Amino acid sequence: LVRGGIGDSPSLRNHYVLVGFGRFPIGDDVSPVRPRAFRNRAGERVFTIESFNEVTSQLRAGGNIEDGYLAIKHALENITDASGHNLLRLGRPDITTNIIFLSDKERDVFDPYGSDIDRSRIMEVVRRSGATINVIINQELFSGNRRAFGLDWDNIAYIVENGGEYSTSTNSRIGSGYLTTRADYSTVALELGGCVWDIKILRQGGAVGASFVNAFYSRVNRQIHQCQTCNCVDTGRTAQWICKRATNQVQCKAEALAGRG
């Protein structure tokens, strides 16, 4: 990101939050899981790249009930200081928030946590925060009959090519996902102006994984740069709409069509 000009200022560095799941007691029982933010050795939940490996090493495979909606909501609304101020500084025009959600499961809902958060509510939470979103999930994607590894909100598919390269195509479609993954995460991300990525292709590693990483970095870099200032633009017959603001592309298009862009 720094090589791409993002967070390259000493006074405004890139910061990260990692939200996962941990068990906690309810009475004499132990519930499945709820989201929590991992900390570095200094006890910080918002950290710089120097702590990244240290914090991510705390993640563990396994688990049972894990609600991605709760994790997203927790990341956007519960990373606060003792006075209740949001440490992500959401809403500042010079700061862009990008959610990278990764799971190989569908959404799990466990009462009493998460049962009141439906699809429309989590979309409102993301919209209100001004964040952009990428979901890396168990979701098949296609360009024609070729398997794709990524799909963004304007139907551009990303396809593996030789040597770690990738190509794009507008001949795209969503295939099947693991159980309710498509309804839980894929369509939500796309409607929010974000991107969907196939975790199975990422796991292949090697040159295929390199294609994935190169495309993912390029797309995230573009998302962040497009959210620095407000500038909704109709580029003409190509019908490409660009939102350089910390809100989603779909909303930008709607505002521009209404004459407010």
Protein backbone atom coordinates (compact mmCIF):
# COMPACT_ATOMS: atom_id res chain seq x y z
CA LEU A 1 0.00 0.00 0.00
CA VAL A 2 2.81 2.40 0.86
CA ARG A 3 4.42 1.76 -2.54
CA GLY A 4 1.11 2.78 -4.06
CA GLY A 5 1.16 6.08 -2.18
CA ILE A 6 -1.27 5.01 0.54
CA GLY A 7 -0.17 5.80 4.08
CA ASP A 8 3.26 7.01 2.94
CA SER A 9 3.12 10.11 5.14
CA PRO A 10 4.83 9.80 8.57
CA SER A 11 1.91 11.72 10.09
CA LEU A 12 -0.79 9.52 8.55
CA ARG A 13 0.31 5.89 8.43
CA ASN A 14 -1.78 2.84 7.58
CA HIS A 15 -3.42 1.26 10.61
CA TYR A 16 -5.03 -2.16 11.00
CA VAL A 17 -7.65 -3.85 13.16
CA LEU A 18 -8.01 -7.64 13.29
CA VAL A 19 -11.35 -9.01 14.49
CA GLY A 20 -11.83 -12.71 15.12
CA PHE A 21 -13.76 -14.88 17.55
CA GLY A 22 -13.31 -16.04 21.15
CA ARG A 23 -15.36 -18.00 23.66
CA PHE A 24 -16.96 -16.39 26.68
CA PRO A 25 -19.20 -17.60 29.51
CA ILE A 26 -22.96 -17.18 29.76
CA GLY A 27 -23.95 -18.22 33.26
CA ASP A 28 -22.58 -21.70 33.84
CA ASP A 29 -22.40 -22.46 30.13
CA VAL A 30 -19.89 -21.52 27.48
CA SER A 31 -21.37 -19.90 24.39
CA PRO A 32 -20.03 -20.67 20.93
CA VAL A 33 -18.25 -17.48 19.82
CA ARG A 34 -18.48 -13.74 19.60
CA PRO A 35 -16.17 -11.28 17.83
CA ARG A 36 -13.26 -9.59 19.53
CA ALA A 37 -10.37 -7.41 18.40
CA PHE A 38 -6.92 -8.92 18.82
CA ARG A 39 -4.21 -6.85 20.51
CA ASN A 40 -0.47 -6.45 20.04
CA ARG A 41 2.02 -6.70 22.92
CA ALA A 42 1.37 -3.07 23.82
CA GLY A 43 -2.33 -3.87 24.26
CA GLU A 44 -3.35 -1.88 21.19
CA ARG A 45 -6.30 -2.94 19.04
CA VAL A 46 -5.39 -0.46 16.31
CA PHE A 47 -1.84 -1.16 15.18
CA THR A 48 0.67 -0.45 12.41
CA ILE A 49 2.35 -2.87 10.02
CA GLU A 50 5.17 -3.56 12.49
CA SER A 51 2.71 -5.49 14.69
CA PHE A 52 0.88 -7.24 11.87
CA ASN A 53 2.60 -10.63 12.03
CA GLU A 54 2.51 -10.61 15.82
CA VAL A 55 -1.25 -9.98 15.91
CA THR A 56 -2.23 -12.33 13.08
CA SER A 57 -0.25 -15.17 14.71
CA GLN A 58 -2.97 -15.27 17.38
CA LEU A 59 -5.56 -16.52 14.89
CA ARG A 60 -6.52 -20.17 15.15
CA ALA A 61 -8.32 -22.47 12.73
CA GLY A 62 -11.46 -24.24 13.80
CA GLY A 63 -14.42 -22.80 15.64
CA ASN A 64 -18.08 -23.51 15.31
CA ILE A 65 -20.58 -20.66 15.17
CA GLU A 66 -19.08 -17.51 13.67
CA ASP A 67 -21.30 -14.64 12.54
CA GLY A 68 -19.58 -12.46 9.94
CA TYR A 69 -22.18 -9.70 10.33
CA LEU A 70 -21.30 -9.41 14.02
CA ALA A 71 -17.58 -9.27 13.18
CA ILE A 72 -18.07 -6.46 10.66
CA LYS A 73 -20.32 -4.52 13.04
CA HIS A 74 -17.85 -5.01 15.89
CA ALA A 75 -14.95 -3.73 13.78
CA LEU A 76 -16.82 -0.60 12.72
CA GLU A 77 -18.62 0.29 15.94
CA ASN A 78 -16.76 -1.17 18.94
CA ILE A 79 -13.12 -0.18 18.49
CA THR A 80 -13.31 2.72 20.93
CA ASP A 81 -11.24 4.36 23.64
CA ALA A 82 -12.26 4.74 27.30
CA SER A 83 -14.34 7.78 26.40
CA GLY A 84 -16.24 5.93 23.68
CA HIS A 85 -14.53 7.67 20.77
CA ASN A 86 -14.09 5.49 17.68
CA LEU A 87 -10.39 4.79 17.21
CA LEU A 88 -10.82 4.22 13.46
CA ARG A 89 -11.71 7.91 13.07
CA LEU A 90 -14.55 7.01 10.71
CA GLY A 91 -15.91 9.83 8.60
CA ARG A 92 -12.75 11.91 8.34
CA PRO A 93 -12.29 12.96 4.69
CA ASP A 94 -8.55 12.22 4.77
CA ILE A 95 -8.99 8.66 6.07
CA THR A 96 -10.35 5.69 4.12
CA THR A 97 -11.58 2.51 5.78
CA ASN A 98 -11.45 -0.76 3.87
CA ILE A 99 -13.04 -3.94 5.25
CA ILE A 100 -11.34 -7.17 4.19
CA PHE A 101 -13.62 -9.98 5.33
CA LEU A 102 -12.31 -13.54 5.07
CA SER A 103 -14.25 -16.73 5.79
CA ASP A 104 -14.78 -20.17 4.26
CA LYS A 105 -18.18 -20.55 5.93
CA GLU A 106 -21.66 -19.17 5.57
CA ARG A 107 -23.08 -16.83 8.18
CA ASP A 108 -23.89 -18.44 11.54
CA VAL A 109 -26.52 -16.80 13.74
CA PHE A 110 -26.52 -17.49 17.47
CA ASP A 111 -29.14 -16.10 19.85
CA PRO A 112 -29.00 -13.72 21.59
CA TYR A 113 -26.08 -12.35 19.60
CA GLY A 114 -26.70 -11.48 15.97
CA SER A 115 -30.32 -12.55 15.61
CA ASP A 116 -31.37 -8.90 15.31
CA ILE A 117 -28.83 -8.10 12.58
CA ASP A 118 -30.21 -8.90 9.16
CA ARG A 119 -28.92 -8.18 5.68
CA SER A 120 -30.36 -4.66 5.44
CA ARG A 121 -29.04 -3.67 8.85
CA ILE A 122 -25.44 -4.74 8.21
CA MET A 123 -25.55 -2.90 4.88
CA GLU A 124 -26.67 0.24 6.70
CA VAL A 125 -23.83 -0.16 9.22
CA VAL A 126 -21.27 -0.33 6.41
CA ARG A 127 -22.83 2.57 4.49
CA ARG A 128 -22.94 4.75 7.59
CA SER A 129 -19.26 4.08 8.29
CA GLY A 130 -18.24 5.08 4.75
CA ALA A 131 -16.11 1.92 4.45
CA THR A 132 -15.48 -0.04 1.28
CA ILE A 133 -15.64 -3.83 1.47
CA ASN A 134 -13.92 -6.90 0.03
CA VAL A 135 -15.12 -10.39 0.93
CA ILE A 136 -12.82 -13.39 0.44
CA ILE A 137 -15.22 -16.31 0.76
CA ASN A 138 -16.24 -19.77 -0.45
CA GLN A 139 -17.95 -18.50 -3.59
CA GLU A 140 -17.60 -19.70 -7.20
CA LEU A 141 -17.20 -16.95 -9.81
CA PHE A 142 -17.10 -17.22 -13.60
CA SER A 143 -16.20 -15.35 -16.74
CA GLY A 144 -18.17 -17.19 -19.40
CA ASN A 145 -17.19 -20.81 -18.81
CA ARG A 146 -13.83 -19.94 -17.24
CA ARG A 147 -13.42 -19.90 -13.50
CA ALA A 148 -12.74 -16.40 -12.16
CA PHE A 149 -11.25 -15.55 -8.79
CA GLY A 150 -12.72 -12.08 -8.32
CA LEU A 151 -15.79 -10.03 -9.20
CA ASP A 152 -16.43 -6.38 -8.46
CA TRP A 153 -19.58 -4.32 -8.19
CA ASP A 154 -19.63 -3.31 -11.87
CA ASN A 155 -19.46 -6.93 -13.09
CA ILE A 156 -15.75 -7.03 -13.89
CA ALA A 157 -14.37 -10.53 -13.37
CA TYR A 158 -10.71 -11.28 -12.60
CA ILE A 159 -9.18 -14.36 -14.24
CA VAL A 160 -5.90 -16.19 -13.62
CA GLU A 161 -3.30 -15.99 -16.40
CA ASN A 162 0.18 -17.49 -16.66
CA GLY A 163 3.11 -16.22 -14.64
CA GLY A 164 1.12 -14.61 -11.86
CA GLU A 165 -0.70 -12.31 -14.24
CA TYR A 166 -4.44 -11.79 -14.51
CA SER A 167 -6.98 -10.54 -17.01
CA THR A 168 -10.41 -8.95 -16.66
CA SER A 169 -13.72 -9.51 -18.39
CA THR A 170 -17.24 -8.10 -18.22
CA ASN A 171 -18.70 -11.50 -19.20
CA SER A 172 -19.14 -12.42 -15.55
CA ARG A 173 -21.53 -14.27 -13.30
CA ILE A 174 -21.79 -15.60 -9.75
CA GLY A 175 -21.92 -19.36 -9.32
CA SER A 176 -22.83 -21.35 -6.25
CA GLY A 177 -21.49 -20.58 -2.80
CA TYR A 178 -21.10 -22.65 0.34
CA LEU A 179 -24.62 -23.04 1.76
CA THR A 180 -25.98 -19.48 2.19
CA THR A 181 -22.70 -17.70 1.46
CA ARG A 182 -24.00 -16.08 -1.72
CA ALA A 183 -26.97 -14.42 0.02
CA ASP A 184 -25.06 -13.73 3.25
CA TYR A 185 -21.94 -12.10 1.83
CA SER A 186 -21.57 -12.06 -1.97
CA THR A 187 -24.61 -10.03 -2.93
CA VAL A 188 -24.20 -7.78 0.11
CA ALA A 189 -20.65 -6.83 -0.90
CA LEU A 190 -21.62 -6.19 -4.52
CA GLU A 191 -24.63 -4.07 -3.58
CA LEU A 192 -22.35 -2.02 -1.33
CA GLY A 193 -20.04 -1.33 -4.27
CA GLY A 194 -17.40 -3.80 -3.13
CA CYS A 195 -15.74 -6.95 -4.44
CA VAL A 196 -16.09 -10.72 -4.01
CA TRP A 197 -13.05 -13.04 -4.10
CA ASP A 198 -12.91 -16.84 -4.19
CA ILE A 199 -10.96 -18.17 -1.21
CA LYS A 200 -10.46 -21.58 -2.86
CA ILE A 201 -8.37 -20.05 -5.63
CA LEU A 202 -6.33 -18.02 -3.15
CA ARG A 203 -5.53 -21.25 -1.29
CA GLN A 204 -3.98 -22.80 -4.38
CA GLY A 205 -0.91 -20.65 -3.86
CA GLY A 206 1.98 -20.57 -6.35
CA ALA A 207 1.45 -18.67 -9.59
CA VAL A 208 -2.32 -18.86 -9.14
CA GLY A 209 -2.03 -17.26 -5.72
CA ALA A 210 0.27 -14.61 -7.20
CA SER A 211 -2.41 -13.71 -9.76
CA PHE A 212 -4.89 -13.37 -6.94
CA VAL A 213 -2.61 -11.18 -4.82
CA ASN A 214 -1.70 -8.90 -7.74
CA ALA A 215 -5.33 -8.34 -8.70
CA PHE A 216 -6.46 -7.93 -5.10
CA TYR A 217 -3.76 -5.35 -4.35
CA SER A 218 -4.57 -3.43 -7.54
CA ARG A 219 -8.29 -3.35 -6.75
CA VAL A 220 -7.88 -2.36 -3.08
CA ASN A 221 -5.37 0.32 -4.07
CA ARG A 222 -7.90 1.73 -6.54
CA GLN A 223 -10.72 1.57 -3.97
CA ILE A 224 -8.71 3.57 -1.47
CA HIS A 225 -7.54 6.18 -3.95
CA GLN A 226 -11.10 6.61 -5.21
CA CYS A 227 -12.29 7.50 -1.72
CA GLN A 228 -10.01 10.44 -1.01
CA THR A 229 -12.31 13.24 -2.20
CA CYS A 230 -15.90 13.52 -3.38
CA ASN A 231 -16.13 13.43 -7.16
CA CYS A 232 -18.96 11.49 -8.77
CA VAL A 233 -18.32 11.35 -12.50
CA ASP A 234 -20.27 10.04 -15.47
CA THR A 235 -17.59 9.11 -17.99
CA GLY A 236 -20.07 8.97 -20.84
CA ARG A 237 -21.05 6.07 -23.05
CA THR A 238 -18.88 3.64 -21.14
CA ALA A 239 -21.27 4.14 -18.17
CA GLN A 240 -18.37 3.98 -15.71
CA TRP A 241 -19.09 5.79 -12.48
CA ILE A 242 -16.30 6.73 -10.14
CA CYS A 243 -16.88 7.63 -6.51
CA LYS A 244 -13.88 9.34 -4.95
CA ARG A 245 -15.42 9.41 -1.52
CA ALA A 246 -15.68 7.16 1.50
CA THR A 247 -19.08 5.82 0.46
CA ASN A 248 -19.99 3.07 -1.94
CA GLN A 249 -20.04 3.11 -5.73
CA VAL A 250 -23.72 2.23 -6.00
CA GLN A 251 -24.76 5.22 -3.91
CA CYS A 252 -22.49 7.45 -5.99
CA LYS A 253 -24.18 6.39 -9.20
CA ALA A 254 -27.60 6.96 -7.70
CA GLU A 255 -26.67 10.46 -6.55
CA ALA A 256 -25.12 11.34 -9.90
CA LEU A 257 -28.21 10.14 -11.74
CA ALA A 258 -30.32 12.31 -9.45
CA GLY A 259 -28.20 15.33 -10.35
CA ARG A 260 -26.41 15.61 -7.00
CA GLY A 261 -23.04 14.25 -8.06
